[in-house]
Amino acid sequence: MTTPCLRLVTPDDADELAAVYVENREFLAPWEPVREDEFFESDSQRAAIERMLDEHAADRMVPFVILGPAGEIAGRLTLNNVVRGAFQSASVGYWVREDLNGRGLATRAAREAVDHAFTALGLHRLEAGTLLHNVASQTVLRRAGFAPFAVAPEYLRIAGRWQDHLLFHAFAPSPRP
C-alpha cells in the first residue's frame, strides 16, 4: 500500500509552510496572485491555516499539504468552494515546490484529492483551471482524470493581471444500475 501524499494542514505547519513559500516565492509568482510580504511570514500562514480549518469545519473547504518523499511539505492542494445541495461540487487548486516539481507529486496528490472528494465527501463534480500556457498543470489534471471543457476569459488575477484559463472538470463514477 502506498503512503498517502496528502494530509490536512495544521497550525503546526505554519513555520515550515512559510519557509517553503519564501524559498519558492519567485518560482510560484507567475502562477499565483501577487502576494504581500506579510503573506510569507509564519504568523500570516498560521492565521490563514486557522481560517481554512474553520472553513473545513463548516464543510466549505479541505486544505491539504502535499508531502514529499521524506514527509516534508512539498506543496499545497485545496478543495475550495465546496457546494452541497443539487451541485455537490468543489474547485481544486495546487502547487508543488520547485525542487520537487516534475516528480509526479502533483499528479499523485490530485488523484488522492479526486478519490477523497468522490468517496469521503460524496461530491459529484470537481473543477480546476490552469493558465493557457501551463501545460505541466494541464498534464497533471488529465492524468488525474480531468477533461478540459472551456476557456474562461480573464478568469483570475494572476501575477498582477487578469488572465484567461483553461477549465477542466472531473465527475464521480456513476453508480451501476
Protein backbone atom coordinates (compact mmCIF):
# COMPACT_ATOMS: atom_id res chain seq x y z
CA MET A 1 0.00 0.00 0.00
CA THR A 2 1.32 3.43 -0.93
CA THR A 3 1.65 6.09 1.77
CA PRO A 4 -0.74 8.98 1.13
CA CYS A 5 0.90 12.18 -0.02
CA LEU A 6 -1.94 14.40 1.25
CA ARG A 7 -2.84 15.29 4.80
CA LEU A 8 -4.94 18.02 6.34
CA VAL A 9 -2.92 21.15 7.09
CA THR A 10 -2.48 22.04 10.77
CA PRO A 11 -1.43 25.23 12.56
CA ASP A 12 1.84 23.45 13.39
CA ASP A 13 2.66 23.59 9.65
CA ALA A 14 2.84 27.40 9.64
CA ASP A 15 6.61 27.76 10.10
CA GLU A 16 7.53 25.10 7.54
CA LEU A 17 4.92 26.35 5.08
CA ALA A 18 6.16 29.93 5.42
CA ALA A 19 9.74 28.75 4.76
CA VAL A 20 8.63 26.79 1.67
CA TYR A 21 6.76 29.83 0.36
CA VAL A 22 9.82 32.05 0.91
CA GLU A 23 12.10 29.57 -0.86
CA ASN A 24 9.66 29.28 -3.78
CA ARG A 25 8.40 32.85 -3.98
CA GLU A 26 9.96 33.57 -7.38
CA PHE A 27 9.10 30.13 -8.76
CA LEU A 28 5.40 30.43 -7.79
CA ALA A 29 4.98 34.12 -8.73
CA PRO A 30 3.95 33.55 -12.39
CA TRP A 31 1.20 31.14 -11.29
CA GLU A 32 -0.34 32.90 -8.28
CA PRO A 33 -1.88 36.22 -7.25
CA VAL A 34 0.57 38.94 -6.23
CA ARG A 35 1.38 38.36 -2.56
CA GLU A 36 2.14 40.99 0.07
CA ASP A 37 5.36 40.46 2.04
CA GLU A 38 3.45 39.51 5.20
CA PHE A 39 1.92 36.52 3.38
CA PHE A 40 5.33 34.82 3.64
CA GLU A 41 5.55 35.15 7.44
CA SER A 42 4.76 32.34 9.87
CA ASP A 43 2.12 34.36 11.74
CA SER A 44 0.24 35.07 8.50
CA GLN A 45 0.43 31.44 7.47
CA ARG A 46 -0.84 30.36 10.89
CA ALA A 47 -3.78 32.79 10.67
CA ALA A 48 -4.57 31.61 7.13
CA ILE A 49 -4.44 27.98 8.24
CA GLU A 50 -6.81 28.70 11.13
CA ARG A 51 -9.26 30.40 8.72
CA MET A 52 -9.01 27.44 6.34
CA LEU A 53 -9.64 24.97 9.16
CA ASP A 54 -12.73 26.98 10.17
CA GLU A 55 -13.93 26.69 6.56
CA HIS A 56 -13.14 22.97 6.67
CA ALA A 57 -15.21 22.56 9.85
CA ALA A 58 -18.09 24.29 8.02
CA ASP A 59 -17.75 21.80 5.10
CA ARG A 60 -16.73 24.52 2.63
CA MET A 61 -13.06 23.59 2.07
CA VAL A 62 -10.50 20.83 2.53
CA PRO A 63 -6.99 22.32 2.93
CA PHE A 64 -4.25 19.75 2.41
CA VAL A 65 -0.48 19.84 2.39
CA ILE A 66 1.31 17.69 -0.17
CA LEU A 67 4.03 15.62 1.47
CA GLY A 68 7.39 14.92 -0.15
CA PRO A 69 9.39 11.69 -0.01
CA ALA A 70 10.74 12.40 3.49
CA GLY A 71 7.41 13.62 4.87
CA GLU A 72 8.32 17.28 4.37
CA ILE A 73 5.87 19.83 2.96
CA ALA A 74 6.21 19.67 -0.80
CA GLY A 75 3.24 21.89 -1.65
CA ARG A 76 -0.43 22.54 -1.14
CA LEU A 77 -3.68 21.20 -2.56
CA THR A 78 -7.03 22.62 -1.59
CA LEU A 79 -10.57 21.61 -2.37
CA ASN A 80 -12.18 25.07 -2.40
CA ASN A 81 -15.72 26.36 -2.64
CA VAL A 82 -17.42 23.12 -1.66
CA VAL A 83 -21.07 23.50 -2.62
CA ARG A 84 -23.66 21.00 -1.44
CA GLY A 85 -27.31 20.64 -2.42
CA ALA A 86 -28.01 19.91 -6.07
CA PHE A 87 -24.48 20.93 -7.16
CA GLN A 88 -22.21 18.70 -4.98
CA SER A 89 -19.08 20.30 -6.40
CA ALA A 90 -15.73 21.85 -5.47
CA SER A 91 -12.75 23.56 -7.09
CA VAL A 92 -9.21 22.22 -6.91
CA GLY A 93 -6.04 24.29 -6.62
CA TYR A 94 -2.50 23.04 -6.04
CA TRP A 95 1.23 23.71 -6.33
CA VAL A 96 4.45 21.79 -5.71
CA ARG A 97 7.71 23.43 -4.72
CA GLU A 98 10.39 23.87 -7.35
CA ASP A 99 12.93 21.30 -6.14
CA LEU A 100 10.28 18.54 -6.12
CA ASN A 101 8.49 19.65 -9.28
CA GLY A 102 8.23 17.17 -12.14
CA ARG A 103 8.43 14.07 -9.92
CA GLY A 104 4.76 13.09 -10.07
CA LEU A 105 3.78 14.50 -6.67
CA ALA A 106 1.14 16.86 -8.07
CA THR A 107 -0.41 14.05 -10.12
CA ARG A 108 -0.44 11.72 -7.14
CA ALA A 109 -1.91 14.44 -4.91
CA ALA A 110 -4.57 15.31 -7.49
CA ARG A 111 -5.57 11.65 -7.79
CA GLU A 112 -5.82 11.36 -3.99
CA ALA A 113 -7.90 14.55 -3.86
CA VAL A 114 -10.26 13.23 -6.55
CA ASP A 115 -10.70 10.00 -4.60
CA HIS A 116 -11.28 11.90 -1.36
CA ALA A 117 -13.80 14.25 -2.99
CA PHE A 118 -15.82 11.48 -4.59
CA THR A 119 -15.68 8.92 -1.78
CA ALA A 120 -15.24 10.66 1.60
CA LEU A 121 -17.06 13.88 0.65
CA GLY A 122 -19.60 12.35 -1.73
CA LEU A 123 -19.13 15.11 -4.31
CA HIS A 124 -20.32 14.71 -7.90
CA ARG A 125 -18.02 17.14 -9.74
CA LEU A 126 -14.63 18.81 -9.41
CA GLU A 127 -13.35 21.77 -11.40
CA ALA A 128 -9.86 23.19 -11.87
CA GLY A 129 -8.38 25.92 -14.01
CA THR A 130 -4.93 26.48 -15.45
CA LEU A 131 -3.32 29.34 -17.29
CA LEU A 132 -3.47 28.64 -21.00
CA HIS A 133 0.30 28.17 -21.21
CA ASN A 134 0.62 25.96 -18.10
CA VAL A 135 0.98 22.68 -19.96
CA ALA A 136 2.52 20.90 -16.95
CA SER A 137 -0.54 21.57 -14.80
CA GLN A 138 -2.84 20.57 -17.64
CA THR A 139 -0.97 17.26 -17.84
CA VAL A 140 -1.42 16.74 -14.08
CA LEU A 141 -5.16 17.28 -14.39
CA ARG A 142 -5.53 14.97 -17.37
CA ARG A 143 -3.58 12.23 -15.57
CA ALA A 144 -5.87 12.67 -12.55
CA GLY A 145 -8.99 12.09 -14.66
CA PHE A 146 -9.96 15.65 -15.56
CA ALA A 147 -11.02 16.76 -19.05
CA PRO A 148 -10.93 20.30 -20.48
CA PHE A 149 -14.31 21.87 -21.15
CA ALA A 150 -13.95 25.64 -21.66
CA VAL A 151 -11.72 28.67 -21.83
CA ALA A 152 -12.63 31.34 -19.29
CA PRO A 153 -11.51 34.84 -20.40
CA GLU A 154 -9.89 36.99 -17.70
CA TYR A 155 -10.78 34.32 -15.14
CA LEU A 156 -8.32 35.10 -12.35
CA ARG A 157 -5.90 37.89 -11.47
CA ILE A 158 -2.59 36.03 -11.61
CA ALA A 159 0.85 37.68 -11.44
CA GLY A 160 -0.85 41.07 -11.31
CA ARG A 161 -3.09 40.82 -14.38
CA TRP A 162 -6.37 39.22 -15.40
CA GLN A 163 -5.56 36.06 -17.33
CA ASP A 164 -7.51 33.54 -19.37
CA HIS A 165 -7.73 30.00 -18.01
CA LEU A 166 -8.43 26.58 -19.48
CA LEU A 167 -11.09 24.95 -17.29
CA PHE A 168 -11.17 21.24 -16.51
CA HIS A 169 -13.73 19.05 -14.77
CA ALA A 170 -13.99 15.53 -13.42
CA PHE A 171 -17.09 13.62 -12.41
CA ALA A 172 -17.68 10.92 -9.84
CA PRO A 173 -18.17 7.50 -11.36
CA SER A 174 -21.84 6.85 -11.98
CA PRO A 175 -23.34 4.13 -9.82
CA ARG A 176 -24.09 0.94 -11.73
CA PRO A 177 -27.78 0.05 -12.11
